[in-house]
Amino acid sequence: MNDCLPYHIPALLEPSMEGLSIQPAGRYADATFGGGGHSRAILERLGPQGRLFGFDRDSDARQNAPDDKRFTFVHGDFRYMRNFLEYLEALPVDGIIADLGVSFHHFDAAERGFSFRADAPLDMRMNQNADARTAADLLRDISQKDLEGLLRRYADLRNPRRVAEALVMARQQKPIATTSQLAAASEPALDPRRVKKEMAQLFQALRIEVNSEIDALEQLLTSAPFMLRPGGRMAILTYHSVEDRLVKNYFRSGRADGEVQTDIYGRVQSPWKLVTRQPVVASEEEVERNPRARSAKLRVAIFNPLSESK
């Protein structure tokens, strides 16, 4: 594995490993392989009979794959993980981990268009080999109403309507095709007291939409019961409130919509037993070492089809 690549420093690594409770002969899936930080930690805890499958829709991540016969890299979107694991005859697994944070690689590779810190084409696709729309395509085609709704869902902006109006007005004059054009078009509509923070939120919202990140997470969650053995564990690290709320509600209810179902005695029916009743967050020491861990929240649950959530 190339440890020199500035790909991603995993947040909450030790709590994640504790939550997964790695079994030496177990089978595990890393839904977001990236730089391989979590995968490397899992492999350190696996014995000779253990297996690990690392998934990433970015083909660049393959260069970080370890030369280890216990490890299999899969270039694919984690929303289809169940299909891949079935094909590989690797079901059921003992644990799944997903770190939903964007890697250093994506932020720092200017040509990806994830950051306003450098001028670049407004791409934002996690998988640049995919025939999918870019952020520039999205801003060209989306209606003002839908853009405002997107910003309300995925960004913490003081005035999302004003930002949507500004972007629509700007595109009428000239297509918004680069990160600097997006920054220039949106800045007058942002809260002057927190321009950089709101700019980051705007870029985040567009990235989430371009990559269908919430839909992908919903599919991963709802397919997990078909991938995990009874007693298997799922650990998910989220970085913004929309993701965290979805994971929290799913583990509580067993449903993507978060709707709680009860039996005749009023007891909540869920196939999940919470390991972390409150999300685990990074210590001050970890944040100092890895500032991007500041917003990370870890939730872990055990799959038990017959359990009743208390």
Protein backbone atom coordinates (compact mmCIF):
# COMPACT_ATOMS: atom_id res chain seq x y z
CA MET A 1 0.00 0.00 0.00
CA ASN A 2 1.28 3.49 -0.82
CA ASP A 3 1.18 5.21 2.55
CA CYS A 4 2.64 8.40 1.10
CA LEU A 5 -0.48 9.39 -0.78
CA PRO A 6 -2.37 12.25 0.92
CA TYR A 7 -5.60 10.34 0.55
CA HIS A 8 -7.43 10.29 3.86
CA ILE A 9 -6.59 10.20 7.55
CA PRO A 10 -9.27 8.00 9.10
CA ALA A 11 -11.23 9.62 11.90
CA LEU A 12 -12.17 7.75 15.08
CA LEU A 13 -10.09 4.77 14.01
CA GLU A 14 -9.79 3.01 17.38
CA PRO A 15 -13.46 3.51 18.37
CA SER A 16 -14.45 2.17 14.95
CA MET A 17 -12.36 -0.96 15.42
CA GLU A 18 -13.73 -1.45 18.94
CA GLY A 19 -17.25 -1.05 17.60
CA LEU A 20 -16.71 -3.66 14.90
CA SER A 21 -15.22 -6.10 17.43
CA ILE A 22 -13.09 -7.77 14.75
CA GLN A 23 -13.10 -11.58 14.80
CA PRO A 24 -9.79 -13.03 13.56
CA ALA A 25 -11.46 -15.47 11.16
CA GLY A 26 -14.27 -13.11 10.17
CA ARG A 27 -15.31 -11.58 6.86
CA TYR A 28 -15.57 -7.79 6.64
CA ALA A 29 -16.46 -5.12 4.12
CA ASP A 30 -15.03 -1.60 3.97
CA ALA A 31 -17.63 0.32 1.99
CA THR A 32 -15.39 3.36 1.50
CA PHE A 33 -11.85 2.07 0.99
CA GLY A 34 -10.25 5.38 -0.06
CA GLY A 35 -6.72 5.51 1.31
CA GLY A 36 -7.17 2.20 3.10
CA GLY A 37 -6.80 3.44 6.67
CA HIS A 38 -9.71 1.48 8.10
CA SER A 39 -8.92 -1.53 5.92
CA ARG A 40 -5.34 -1.59 7.13
CA ALA A 41 -6.54 -1.52 10.75
CA ILE A 42 -8.97 -4.38 10.09
CA LEU A 43 -6.26 -6.47 8.42
CA GLU A 44 -4.01 -5.97 11.44
CA ARG A 45 -6.71 -7.58 13.57
CA LEU A 46 -7.59 -10.43 11.19
CA GLY A 47 -5.96 -13.84 11.32
CA PRO A 48 -4.84 -15.93 8.34
CA GLN A 49 -8.40 -17.12 7.65
CA GLY A 50 -9.96 -13.65 7.76
CA ARG A 51 -11.17 -11.85 4.64
CA LEU A 52 -11.70 -8.19 3.83
CA PHE A 53 -13.40 -6.61 0.82
CA GLY A 54 -12.70 -2.95 0.13
CA PHE A 55 -15.09 -0.96 -2.07
CA ASP A 56 -14.56 2.39 -3.77
CA ARG A 57 -16.20 3.94 -6.79
CA ASP A 58 -13.08 6.03 -7.45
CA SER A 59 -10.65 3.96 -9.51
CA ASP A 60 -7.76 6.04 -8.11
CA ALA A 61 -8.24 4.23 -4.79
CA ARG A 62 -7.03 0.96 -6.32
CA GLN A 63 -3.40 2.14 -6.09
CA ASN A 64 -3.76 2.12 -2.29
CA ALA A 65 -4.83 -1.54 -2.16
CA PRO A 66 -2.59 -3.70 0.06
CA ASP A 67 -0.73 -6.66 -1.35
CA ASP A 68 -2.46 -9.09 0.98
CA LYS A 69 -4.15 -12.33 -0.05
CA ARG A 70 -6.84 -11.71 2.56
CA PHE A 71 -7.88 -8.48 0.81
CA THR A 72 -9.99 -7.95 -2.31
CA PHE A 73 -10.44 -4.50 -3.86
CA VAL A 74 -13.74 -3.89 -5.64
CA HIS A 75 -14.10 -0.88 -7.93
CA GLY A 76 -17.76 -0.17 -7.39
CA ASP A 77 -20.35 1.95 -5.63
CA PHE A 78 -21.21 0.72 -2.15
CA ARG A 79 -24.91 0.97 -2.93
CA TYR A 80 -24.38 -2.22 -4.99
CA MET A 81 -22.21 -3.92 -2.37
CA ARG A 82 -24.70 -6.71 -1.77
CA ASN A 83 -24.58 -7.70 -5.46
CA PHE A 84 -20.78 -7.65 -5.52
CA LEU A 85 -20.50 -9.75 -2.36
CA GLU A 86 -23.03 -12.25 -3.69
CA TYR A 87 -21.00 -12.56 -6.88
CA LEU A 88 -17.82 -13.08 -4.84
CA GLU A 89 -19.61 -15.70 -2.70
CA ALA A 90 -18.65 -13.67 0.36
CA LEU A 91 -21.99 -13.44 2.16
CA PRO A 92 -22.75 -13.17 4.97
CA VAL A 93 -20.14 -10.83 6.43
CA ASP A 94 -19.35 -10.21 10.09
CA GLY A 95 -19.05 -6.47 9.84
CA ILE A 96 -19.37 -3.44 7.58
CA ILE A 97 -17.69 -0.07 7.99
CA ALA A 98 -18.44 3.08 6.02
CA ASP A 99 -16.54 6.35 6.46
CA LEU A 100 -18.62 8.89 4.58
CA GLY A 101 -16.04 11.68 4.74
CA VAL A 102 -14.50 13.09 1.58
CA SER A 103 -10.83 12.19 1.33
CA PHE A 104 -7.84 14.53 1.25
CA HIS A 105 -7.30 13.22 -2.27
CA HIS A 106 -10.57 14.63 -3.53
CA PHE A 107 -10.24 17.97 -1.76
CA ASP A 108 -6.60 18.48 -2.62
CA ALA A 109 -6.72 17.33 -6.25
CA ALA A 110 -7.77 20.66 -7.75
CA GLU A 111 -8.97 19.13 -11.01
CA ARG A 112 -11.73 17.34 -9.11
CA GLY A 113 -13.51 20.63 -8.42
CA PHE A 114 -14.43 19.81 -4.81
CA SER A 115 -12.92 22.95 -3.28
CA PHE A 116 -13.05 26.69 -3.87
CA ARG A 117 -9.40 27.02 -2.83
CA ALA A 118 -8.17 26.49 -6.41
CA ASP A 119 -9.69 27.22 -9.79
CA ALA A 120 -10.73 24.08 -11.64
CA PRO A 121 -13.53 22.66 -13.76
CA LEU A 122 -16.69 22.27 -11.71
CA ASP A 123 -16.77 18.47 -11.75
CA MET A 124 -17.30 17.03 -8.22
CA ARG A 125 -17.88 13.46 -9.41
CA MET A 126 -16.37 10.84 -7.12
CA ASN A 127 -15.93 8.56 -10.12
CA GLN A 128 -14.66 10.62 -13.02
CA ASN A 129 -14.82 7.58 -15.27
CA ALA A 130 -18.58 7.49 -14.91
CA ASP A 131 -20.84 8.91 -17.59
CA ALA A 132 -22.67 11.08 -15.09
CA ARG A 133 -23.50 14.74 -14.72
CA THR A 134 -21.01 17.13 -13.21
CA ALA A 135 -21.72 19.99 -10.83
CA ALA A 136 -21.54 22.31 -13.84
CA ASP A 137 -24.24 20.23 -15.56
CA LEU A 138 -26.36 20.37 -12.42
CA LEU A 139 -26.12 24.16 -12.15
CA ARG A 140 -26.91 24.53 -15.84
CA ASP A 141 -30.09 22.47 -15.72
CA ILE A 142 -31.63 22.75 -12.25
CA SER A 143 -34.58 25.08 -11.65
CA GLN A 144 -34.27 27.87 -9.12
CA LYS A 145 -36.91 26.24 -6.93
CA ASP A 146 -35.13 22.88 -6.93
CA LEU A 147 -31.78 24.53 -6.31
CA GLU A 148 -33.17 26.35 -3.31
CA GLY A 149 -34.60 23.08 -1.98
CA LEU A 150 -31.26 21.34 -2.46
CA LEU A 151 -29.46 24.09 -0.53
CA ARG A 152 -32.00 23.94 2.29
CA ARG A 153 -31.53 20.17 2.64
CA TYR A 154 -27.78 19.88 2.37
CA ALA A 155 -26.26 23.25 3.35
CA ASP A 156 -26.38 25.44 6.43
CA LEU A 157 -26.95 28.79 4.69
CA ARG A 158 -28.49 31.90 6.22
CA ASN A 159 -30.43 32.65 3.03
CA PRO A 160 -30.57 29.72 0.58
CA ARG A 161 -33.19 31.48 -1.55
CA ARG A 162 -30.87 34.41 -2.11
CA VAL A 163 -28.00 32.10 -3.05
CA ALA A 164 -30.18 30.18 -5.51
CA GLU A 165 -31.34 33.45 -7.08
CA ALA A 166 -27.76 34.67 -7.41
CA LEU A 167 -26.62 31.48 -9.12
CA VAL A 168 -29.54 31.47 -11.56
CA MET A 169 -28.90 35.12 -12.44
CA ALA A 170 -25.21 34.40 -12.96
CA ARG A 171 -25.80 31.44 -15.26
CA GLN A 172 -28.08 33.56 -17.43
CA GLN A 173 -25.06 35.74 -18.20
CA LYS A 174 -22.49 32.95 -18.50
CA PRO A 175 -22.39 29.22 -17.68
CA ILE A 176 -20.98 28.44 -14.23
CA ALA A 177 -18.28 26.03 -15.32
CA THR A 178 -15.44 26.44 -12.82
CA THR A 179 -14.99 26.57 -9.07
CA SER A 180 -13.92 30.22 -9.21
CA GLN A 181 -17.01 31.14 -11.22
CA LEU A 182 -19.20 29.42 -8.65
CA ALA A 183 -17.42 31.21 -5.82
CA ALA A 184 -17.70 34.60 -7.52
CA ALA A 185 -21.38 34.12 -8.36
CA SER A 186 -22.38 33.00 -4.88
CA GLU A 187 -20.21 35.16 -2.60
CA PRO A 188 -22.39 38.32 -2.74
CA ALA A 189 -25.37 36.24 -1.53
CA LEU A 190 -23.54 34.61 1.39
CA ASP A 191 -23.50 35.78 4.98
CA PRO A 192 -20.53 38.21 5.08
CA ARG A 193 -19.73 37.10 8.63
CA ARG A 194 -19.16 33.48 7.58
CA VAL A 195 -18.37 33.53 3.88
CA LYS A 196 -15.84 30.67 3.90
CA LYS A 197 -18.07 28.44 6.00
CA GLU A 198 -21.12 29.06 3.81
CA MET A 199 -19.02 28.62 0.66
CA ALA A 200 -17.90 25.23 1.96
CA GLN A 201 -21.52 24.34 2.71
CA LEU A 202 -22.55 25.32 -0.82
CA PHE A 203 -19.86 23.13 -2.36
CA GLN A 204 -20.88 20.31 -0.01
CA ALA A 205 -24.52 20.51 -1.08
CA LEU A 206 -23.66 20.32 -4.77
CA ARG A 207 -21.26 17.41 -4.17
CA ILE A 208 -23.92 15.47 -2.27
CA GLU A 209 -26.41 15.96 -5.10
CA VAL A 210 -23.97 15.21 -7.93
CA ASN A 211 -22.95 11.91 -6.34
CA SER A 212 -26.43 10.97 -5.05
CA GLU A 213 -24.79 10.44 -1.66
CA ILE A 214 -27.97 10.30 0.40
CA ASP A 215 -29.64 7.83 -1.97
CA ALA A 216 -26.50 5.68 -1.90
CA LEU A 217 -26.44 5.72 1.91
CA GLU A 218 -30.11 4.73 2.08
CA GLN A 219 -29.43 1.79 -0.24
CA LEU A 220 -26.44 0.70 1.82
CA LEU A 221 -28.44 0.82 5.04
CA THR A 222 -31.46 -1.04 3.71
CA SER A 223 -29.29 -3.75 2.12
CA ALA A 224 -27.21 -4.29 5.28
CA PRO A 225 -29.60 -6.89 6.80
CA PHE A 226 -29.11 -9.00 3.68
CA MET A 227 -25.32 -8.84 4.00
CA LEU A 228 -24.65 -9.26 7.72
CA ARG A 229 -24.86 -12.48 9.66
CA PRO A 230 -26.98 -12.34 12.85
CA GLY A 231 -24.77 -10.65 15.41
CA GLY A 232 -22.77 -8.86 12.72
CA ARG A 233 -21.91 -5.21 13.24
CA MET A 234 -22.17 -2.04 11.20
CA ALA A 235 -20.10 1.08 11.92
CA ILE A 236 -20.81 4.31 10.07
CA LEU A 237 -18.98 7.62 10.29
CA THR A 238 -20.97 10.66 9.18
CA TYR A 239 -19.88 14.25 8.71
CA HIS A 240 -23.04 16.30 8.38
CA SER A 241 -26.46 16.35 9.97
CA VAL A 242 -28.42 14.87 7.05
CA GLU A 243 -26.27 11.72 7.02
CA ASP A 244 -26.20 11.41 10.79
CA ARG A 245 -29.97 11.79 11.12
CA LEU A 246 -30.53 9.11 8.47
CA VAL A 247 -28.19 6.63 10.18
CA LYS A 248 -29.58 7.40 13.64
CA ASN A 249 -33.19 6.90 12.53
CA TYR A 250 -32.38 3.76 10.56
CA PHE A 251 -30.61 2.05 13.45
CA ARG A 252 -33.47 3.02 15.75
CA SER A 253 -36.30 1.90 13.48
CA GLY A 254 -34.81 -0.44 10.87
CA ARG A 255 -36.39 1.69 8.16
CA ALA A 256 -34.87 4.23 5.77
CA ASP A 257 -37.75 6.63 6.42
CA GLY A 258 -37.16 6.40 10.17
CA GLU A 259 -40.76 5.44 10.89
CA VAL A 260 -40.85 3.47 14.12
CA GLN A 261 -43.00 0.34 14.23
CA THR A 262 -44.11 -1.19 17.52
CA ASP A 263 -45.67 -4.46 18.61
CA ILE A 264 -48.96 -4.72 20.49
CA TYR A 265 -47.13 -3.86 23.70
CA GLY A 266 -45.67 -0.67 22.26
CA ARG A 267 -42.14 -2.06 22.00
CA VAL A 268 -40.09 -0.76 19.09
CA GLN A 269 -39.46 -3.41 16.45
CA SER A 270 -36.02 -3.05 14.91
CA PRO A 271 -33.43 -5.57 13.70
CA TRP A 272 -30.68 -3.44 15.25
CA LYS A 273 -29.25 -3.25 18.75
CA LEU A 274 -27.39 -0.02 19.40
CA VAL A 275 -23.77 -0.26 20.50
CA THR A 276 -23.45 3.53 20.63
CA ARG A 277 -26.59 5.13 22.04
CA GLN A 278 -24.97 8.50 21.48
CA PRO A 279 -22.58 9.16 18.59
CA VAL A 280 -18.88 8.88 19.33
CA VAL A 281 -16.99 12.09 18.50
CA ALA A 282 -13.31 12.89 18.25
CA SER A 283 -11.29 13.98 21.25
CA GLU A 284 -9.55 17.34 21.33
CA GLU A 285 -6.26 15.53 20.80
CA GLU A 286 -7.52 13.79 17.67
CA VAL A 287 -8.95 17.01 16.25
CA GLU A 288 -5.58 18.67 16.78
CA ARG A 289 -3.90 15.86 14.82
CA ASN A 290 -6.65 15.63 12.21
CA PRO A 291 -8.85 18.76 12.00
CA ARG A 292 -11.27 17.06 9.60
CA ALA A 293 -12.25 14.69 12.41
CA ARG A 294 -13.99 17.58 14.17
CA SER A 295 -17.32 16.94 12.44
CA ALA A 296 -17.11 13.13 12.46
CA LYS A 297 -19.76 11.12 14.30
CA LEU A 298 -19.57 7.35 14.72
CA ARG A 299 -22.62 5.15 15.21
CA VAL A 300 -22.41 1.37 15.62
CA ALA A 301 -25.18 -1.22 15.76
CA ILE A 302 -25.49 -5.01 15.92
CA PHE A 303 -27.75 -6.79 13.46
CA ASN A 304 -30.16 -9.05 15.31
CA PRO A 305 -33.31 -9.91 13.34
CA LEU A 306 -35.14 -11.05 16.48
CA SER A 307 -34.16 -8.15 18.74
CA GLU A 308 -36.41 -5.51 20.15
CA SER A 309 -34.83 -2.09 20.40
CA LYS A 310 -35.07 -0.72 23.91
